[in-house]
Amino acid sequence: MSALAWQKSSYCAQGNSCLHIAADHGTVALTESGDPSGAILRATPAAWAELLRTVKETHGRG
């Protein structure tokens, strides 16, 4: 991965396909370790916060 300070999701355990997140110049960078292309998705902090809120709100609803 690049020089960003990546953090691995605590939900990842020991798998090869993990979500990683890093702060980068006013954006939130996301990548998935199982993606051979090394693609990085960038979002605003507000968009990232809204995604987290939505996931937490709907978690477990089936």
PDB file of N, CA and C in Angstrom:
ATOM      1  N   MET A   1       0.840  -1.183   0.000  1.00  0.00           N
ATOM      2  CA  MET A   1       0.000   0.000   0.000  1.00  0.00           C
ATOM      3  C   MET A   1       0.883   1.243   0.000  1.00  0.00           C
ATOM      4  N   SER A   2       0.264   2.372  -0.222  1.00  0.00           N
ATOM      5  CA  SER A   2       1.006   3.630  -0.322  1.00  0.00           C
ATOM      6  C   SER A   2       1.485   4.111   1.041  1.00  0.00           C
ATOM      7  N   ALA A   3       2.030   5.328   1.082  1.00  0.00           N
ATOM      8  CA  ALA A   3       2.589   5.897   2.306  1.00  0.00           C
ATOM      9  C   ALA A   3       1.525   6.367   3.297  1.00  0.00           C
ATOM     10  N   LEU A   4       0.271   6.172   3.007  1.00  0.00           N
ATOM     11  CA  LEU A   4      -0.783   6.543   3.950  1.00  0.00           C
ATOM     12  C   LEU A   4      -0.688   5.673   5.199  1.00  0.00           C
ATOM     13  N   ALA A   5      -1.173   6.194   6.309  1.00  0.00           N
ATOM     14  CA  ALA A   5      -1.182   5.440   7.569  1.00  0.00           C
ATOM     15  C   ALA A   5      -2.469   4.615   7.632  1.00  0.00           C
ATOM     16  N   TRP A   6      -2.452   3.461   6.992  1.00  0.00           N
ATOM     17  CA  TRP A   6      -3.629   2.610   6.890  1.00  0.00           C
ATOM     18  C   TRP A   6      -3.933   1.931   8.215  1.00  0.00           C
ATOM     19  N   GLN A   7      -5.227   1.818   8.515  1.00  0.00           N
ATOM     20  CA  GLN A   7      -5.702   1.076   9.684  1.00  0.00           C
ATOM     21  C   GLN A   7      -6.627  -0.022   9.186  1.00  0.00           C
ATOM     22  N   LYS A   8      -6.470  -1.223   9.722  1.00  0.00           N
ATOM     23  CA  LYS A   8      -7.287  -2.360   9.310  1.00  0.00           C
ATOM     24  C   LYS A   8      -8.530  -2.452  10.189  1.00  0.00           C
ATOM     25  N   SER A   9      -9.634  -2.810   9.579  1.00  0.00           N
ATOM     26  CA  SER A   9     -10.883  -2.989  10.311  1.00  0.00           C
ATOM     27  C   SER A   9     -10.728  -4.030  11.410  1.00  0.00           C
ATOM     28  N   SER A  10     -11.309  -3.764  12.562  1.00  0.00           N
ATOM     29  CA  SER A  10     -11.271  -4.725  13.669  1.00  0.00           C
ATOM     30  C   SER A  10     -12.133  -5.951  13.374  1.00  0.00           C
ATOM     31  N   TYR A  11     -12.988  -5.878  12.372  1.00  0.00           N
ATOM     32  CA  TYR A  11     -13.821  -7.007  11.986  1.00  0.00           C
ATOM     33  C   TYR A  11     -13.098  -7.960  11.046  1.00  0.00           C
ATOM     34  N   CYS A  12     -11.897  -7.648  10.658  1.00  0.00           N
ATOM     35  CA  CYS A  12     -11.171  -8.410   9.649  1.00  0.00           C
ATOM     36  C   CYS A  12     -10.637  -9.744  10.160  1.00  0.00           C
ATOM     37  N   ALA A  13     -10.193  -9.813  11.378  1.00  0.00           N
ATOM     38  CA  ALA A  13      -9.541 -11.007  11.941  1.00  0.00           C
ATOM     39  C   ALA A  13      -8.270 -11.308  11.155  1.00  0.00           C
ATOM     40  N   GLN A  14      -8.122 -12.523  10.687  1.00  0.00           N
ATOM     41  CA  GLN A  14      -6.891 -12.909   9.995  1.00  0.00           C
ATOM     42  C   GLN A  14      -7.100 -13.131   8.499  1.00  0.00           C
ATOM     43  N   GLY A  15      -8.211 -12.728   7.945  1.00  0.00           N
ATOM     44  CA  GLY A  15      -8.502 -12.958   6.536  1.00  0.00           C
ATOM     45  C   GLY A  15      -7.639 -12.140   5.593  1.00  0.00           C
ATOM     46  N   ASN A  16      -7.667 -12.514   4.318  1.00  0.00           N
ATOM     47  CA  ASN A  16      -6.900 -11.803   3.294  1.00  0.00           C
ATOM     48  C   ASN A  16      -7.693 -10.684   2.644  1.00  0.00           C
ATOM     49  N   SER A  17      -8.961 -10.602   2.922  1.00  0.00           N
ATOM     50  CA  SER A  17      -9.816  -9.613   2.293  1.00  0.00           C
ATOM     51  C   SER A  17     -10.326  -8.655   3.369  1.00  0.00           C
ATOM     52  N   CYS A  18      -9.548  -7.613   3.642  1.00  0.00           N
ATOM     53  CA  CYS A  18      -9.842  -6.710   4.754  1.00  0.00           C
ATOM     54  C   CYS A  18     -10.014  -5.271   4.272  1.00  0.00           C
ATOM     55  N   LEU A  19     -10.879  -4.540   4.936  1.00  0.00           N
ATOM     56  CA  LEU A  19     -11.056  -3.120   4.666  1.00  0.00           C
ATOM     57  C   LEU A  19      -9.996  -2.338   5.430  1.00  0.00           C
ATOM     58  N   HIS A  20      -9.347  -1.411   4.739  1.00  0.00           N
ATOM     59  CA  HIS A  20      -8.356  -0.532   5.350  1.00  0.00           C
ATOM     60  C   HIS A  20      -8.799   0.908   5.121  1.00  0.00           C
ATOM     61  N   ILE A  21      -8.545   1.777   6.086  1.00  0.00           N
ATOM     62  CA  ILE A  21      -8.957   3.172   6.019  1.00  0.00           C
ATOM     63  C   ILE A  21      -7.795   4.065   6.431  1.00  0.00           C
ATOM     64  N   ALA A  22      -7.718   5.253   5.810  1.00  0.00           N
ATOM     65  CA  ALA A  22      -6.667   6.218   6.158  1.00  0.00           C
ATOM     66  C   ALA A  22      -7.186   7.628   5.912  1.00  0.00           C
ATOM     67  N   ALA A  23      -6.728   8.568   6.723  1.00  0.00           N
ATOM     68  CA  ALA A  23      -7.027   9.984   6.499  1.00  0.00           C
ATOM     69  C   ALA A  23      -5.999  10.515   5.508  1.00  0.00           C
ATOM     70  N   ASP A  24      -6.450  11.322   4.540  1.00  0.00           N
ATOM     71  CA  ASP A  24      -5.543  11.820   3.508  1.00  0.00           C
ATOM     72  C   ASP A  24      -5.982  13.196   3.027  1.00  0.00           C
ATOM     73  N   HIS A  25      -5.366  14.248   3.533  1.00  0.00           N
ATOM     74  CA  HIS A  25      -5.595  15.622   3.069  1.00  0.00           C
ATOM     75  C   HIS A  25      -7.076  15.980   2.989  1.00  0.00           C
ATOM     76  N   GLY A  26      -7.801  15.798   4.076  1.00  0.00           N
ATOM     77  CA  GLY A  26      -9.203  16.185   4.123  1.00  0.00           C
ATOM     78  C   GLY A  26     -10.160  15.191   3.506  1.00  0.00           C
ATOM     79  N   THR A  27      -9.672  14.012   3.146  1.00  0.00           N
ATOM     80  CA  THR A  27     -10.543  12.956   2.641  1.00  0.00           C
ATOM     81  C   THR A  27     -10.309  11.693   3.459  1.00  0.00           C
ATOM     82  N   VAL A  28     -11.215  10.753   3.293  1.00  0.00           N
ATOM     83  CA  VAL A  28     -11.068   9.440   3.894  1.00  0.00           C
ATOM     84  C   VAL A  28     -10.774   8.483   2.747  1.00  0.00           C
ATOM     85  N   ALA A  29      -9.665   7.768   2.843  1.00  0.00           N
ATOM     86  CA  ALA A  29      -9.270   6.809   1.813  1.00  0.00           C
ATOM     87  C   ALA A  29      -9.608   5.406   2.297  1.00  0.00           C
ATOM     88  N   LEU A  30     -10.187   4.605   1.400  1.00  0.00           N
ATOM     89  CA  LEU A  30     -10.565   3.231   1.725  1.00  0.00           C
ATOM     90  C   LEU A  30      -9.987   2.303   0.670  1.00  0.00           C
ATOM     91  N   THR A  31      -9.503   1.170   1.100  1.00  0.00           N
ATOM     92  CA  THR A  31      -9.049   0.151   0.162  1.00  0.00           C
ATOM     93  C   THR A  31      -9.340  -1.213   0.755  1.00  0.00           C
ATOM     94  N   GLU A  32      -9.310  -2.225  -0.086  1.00  0.00           N
ATOM     95  CA  GLU A  32      -9.610  -3.585   0.332  1.00  0.00           C
ATOM     96  C   GLU A  32      -8.399  -4.435  -0.015  1.00  0.00           C
ATOM     97  N   SER A  33      -7.813  -5.091   0.972  1.00  0.00           N
ATOM     98  CA  SER A  33      -6.545  -5.788   0.776  1.00  0.00           C
ATOM     99  C   SER A  33      -6.629  -6.933  -0.224  1.00  0.00           C
ATOM    100  N   GLY A  34      -7.801  -7.473  -0.470  1.00  0.00           N
ATOM    101  CA  GLY A  34      -7.952  -8.556  -1.431  1.00  0.00           C
ATOM    102  C   GLY A  34      -8.071  -8.089  -2.867  1.00  0.00           C
ATOM    103  N   ASP A  35      -8.086  -6.773  -3.100  1.00  0.00           N
ATOM    104  CA  ASP A  35      -8.223  -6.216  -4.451  1.00  0.00           C
ATOM    105  C   ASP A  35      -6.849  -6.142  -5.103  1.00  0.00           C
ATOM    106  N   PRO A  36      -6.587  -6.986  -6.110  1.00  0.00           N
ATOM    107  CA  PRO A  36      -5.262  -6.991  -6.732  1.00  0.00           C
ATOM    108  C   PRO A  36      -4.908  -5.689  -7.443  1.00  0.00           C
ATOM    109  N   SER A  37      -5.904  -4.877  -7.803  1.00  0.00           N
ATOM    110  CA  SER A  37      -5.611  -3.613  -8.488  1.00  0.00           C
ATOM    111  C   SER A  37      -5.151  -2.540  -7.510  1.00  0.00           C
ATOM    112  N   GLY A  38      -5.412  -2.739  -6.214  1.00  0.00           N
ATOM    113  CA  GLY A  38      -5.027  -1.751  -5.208  1.00  0.00           C
ATOM    114  C   GLY A  38      -5.836  -0.473  -5.285  1.00  0.00           C
ATOM    115  N   ALA A  39      -7.062  -0.562  -5.800  1.00  0.00           N
ATOM    116  CA  ALA A  39      -7.918   0.613  -5.956  1.00  0.00           C
ATOM    117  C   ALA A  39      -8.165   1.288  -4.612  1.00  0.00           C
ATOM    118  N   ILE A  40      -8.196   2.609  -4.633  1.00  0.00           N
ATOM    119  CA  ILE A  40      -8.471   3.396  -3.434  1.00  0.00           C
ATOM    120  C   ILE A  40      -9.711   4.244  -3.695  1.00  0.00           C
ATOM    121  N   LEU A  41     -10.700   4.111  -2.835  1.00  0.00           N
ATOM    122  CA  LEU A  41     -11.917   4.917  -2.881  1.00  0.00           C
ATOM    123  C   LEU A  41     -11.727   6.069  -1.915  1.00  0.00           C
ATOM    124  N   ARG A  42     -12.083   7.270  -2.345  1.00  0.00           N
ATOM    125  CA  ARG A  42     -11.960   8.443  -1.472  1.00  0.00           C
ATOM    126  C   ARG A  42     -13.343   9.038  -1.237  1.00  0.00           C
ATOM    127  N   ALA A  43     -13.565   9.479  -0.008  1.00  0.00           N
ATOM    128  CA  ALA A  43     -14.837  10.093   0.372  1.00  0.00           C
ATOM    129  C   ALA A  43     -14.554  11.282   1.274  1.00  0.00           C
ATOM    130  N   THR A  44     -15.508  12.192   1.342  1.00  0.00           N
ATOM    131  CA  THR A  44     -15.379  13.289   2.300  1.00  0.00           C
ATOM    132  C   THR A  44     -15.623  12.725   3.695  1.00  0.00           C
ATOM    133  N   PRO A  45     -15.105  13.376   4.714  1.00  0.00           N
ATOM    134  CA  PRO A  45     -15.400  12.909   6.073  1.00  0.00           C
ATOM    135  C   PRO A  45     -16.904  12.860   6.361  1.00  0.00           C
ATOM    136  N   ALA A  46     -17.660  13.811   5.826  1.00  0.00           N
ATOM    137  CA  ALA A  46     -19.111  13.820   6.048  1.00  0.00           C
ATOM    138  C   ALA A  46     -19.773  12.611   5.391  1.00  0.00           C
ATOM    139  N   ALA A  47     -19.358  12.277   4.178  1.00  0.00           N
ATOM    140  CA  ALA A  47     -19.924  11.115   3.488  1.00  0.00           C
ATOM    141  C   ALA A  47     -19.565   9.824   4.214  1.00  0.00           C
ATOM    142  N   TRP A  48     -18.331   9.726   4.696  1.00  0.00           N
ATOM    143  CA  TRP A  48     -17.900   8.545   5.452  1.00  0.00           C
ATOM    144  C   TRP A  48     -18.712   8.420   6.743  1.00  0.00           C
ATOM    145  N   ALA A  49     -18.910   9.515   7.450  1.00  0.00           N
ATOM    146  CA  ALA A  49     -19.688   9.498   8.687  1.00  0.00           C
ATOM    147  C   ALA A  49     -21.130   9.065   8.419  1.00  0.00           C
ATOM    148  N   GLU A  50     -21.702   9.534   7.318  1.00  0.00           N
ATOM    149  CA  GLU A  50     -23.072   9.155   6.965  1.00  0.00           C
ATOM    150  C   GLU A  50     -23.155   7.671   6.626  1.00  0.00           C
ATOM    151  N   LEU A  51     -22.167   7.152   5.908  1.00  0.00           N
ATOM    152  CA  LEU A  51     -22.139   5.722   5.603  1.00  0.00           C
ATOM    153  C   LEU A  51     -22.073   4.907   6.893  1.00  0.00           C
ATOM    154  N   LEU A  52     -21.184   5.278   7.802  1.00  0.00           N
ATOM    155  CA  LEU A  52     -21.076   4.563   9.078  1.00  0.00           C
ATOM    156  C   LEU A  52     -22.377   4.628   9.865  1.00  0.00           C
ATOM    157  N   ARG A  53     -22.998   5.812   9.902  1.00  0.00           N
ATOM    158  CA  ARG A  53     -24.263   5.966  10.613  1.00  0.00           C
ATOM    159  C   ARG A  53     -25.323   5.041  10.025  1.00  0.00           C
ATOM    160  N   THR A  54     -25.408   5.002   8.702  1.00  0.00           N
ATOM    161  CA  THR A  54     -26.401   4.168   8.031  1.00  0.00           C
ATOM    162  C   THR A  54     -26.157   2.688   8.294  1.00  0.00           C
ATOM    163  N   VAL A  55     -24.909   2.263   8.210  1.00  0.00           N
ATOM    164  CA  VAL A  55     -24.586   0.857   8.465  1.00  0.00           C
ATOM    165  C   VAL A  55     -24.934   0.483   9.901  1.00  0.00           C
ATOM    166  N   LYS A  56     -24.566   1.327  10.841  1.00  0.00           N
ATOM    167  CA  LYS A  56     -24.867   1.040  12.249  1.00  0.00           C
ATOM    168  C   LYS A  56     -26.373   1.012  12.502  1.00  0.00           C
ATOM    169  N   GLU A  57     -27.090   1.915  11.844  1.00  0.00           N
ATOM    170  CA  GLU A  57     -28.539   2.004  12.032  1.00  0.00           C
ATOM    171  C   GLU A  57     -29.249   0.777  11.467  1.00  0.00           C
ATOM    172  N   THR A  58     -28.776   0.256  10.357  1.00  0.00           N
ATOM    173  CA  THR A  58     -29.450  -0.853   9.687  1.00  0.00           C
ATOM    174  C   THR A  58     -28.859  -2.218  10.030  1.00  0.00           C
ATOM    175  N   HIS A  59     -27.763  -2.252  10.765  1.00  0.00           N
ATOM    176  CA  HIS A  59     -27.121  -3.524  11.135  1.00  0.00           C
ATOM    177  C   HIS A  59     -28.100  -4.397  11.914  1.00  0.00           C
ATOM    178  N   GLY A  60     -28.239  -5.619  11.445  1.00  0.00           N
ATOM    179  CA  GLY A  60     -29.096  -6.557  12.152  1.00  0.00           C
ATOM    180  C   GLY A  60     -30.557  -6.525  11.751  1.00  0.00           C
ATOM    181  N   ARG A  61     -30.912  -5.668  10.822  1.00  0.00           N
ATOM    182  CA  ARG A  61     -32.323  -5.619  10.394  1.00  0.00           C
ATOM    183  C   ARG A  61     -32.657  -6.732   9.411  1.00  0.00           C
ATOM    184  N   GLY A  62     -31.623  -7.446   8.928  1.00  0.00           N
ATOM    185  CA  GLY A  62     -31.854  -8.589   8.053  1.00  0.00           C
ATOM    186  C   GLY A  62     -31.992  -8.204   6.655  1.00  0.00           C
TER     187      GLY A  62
END
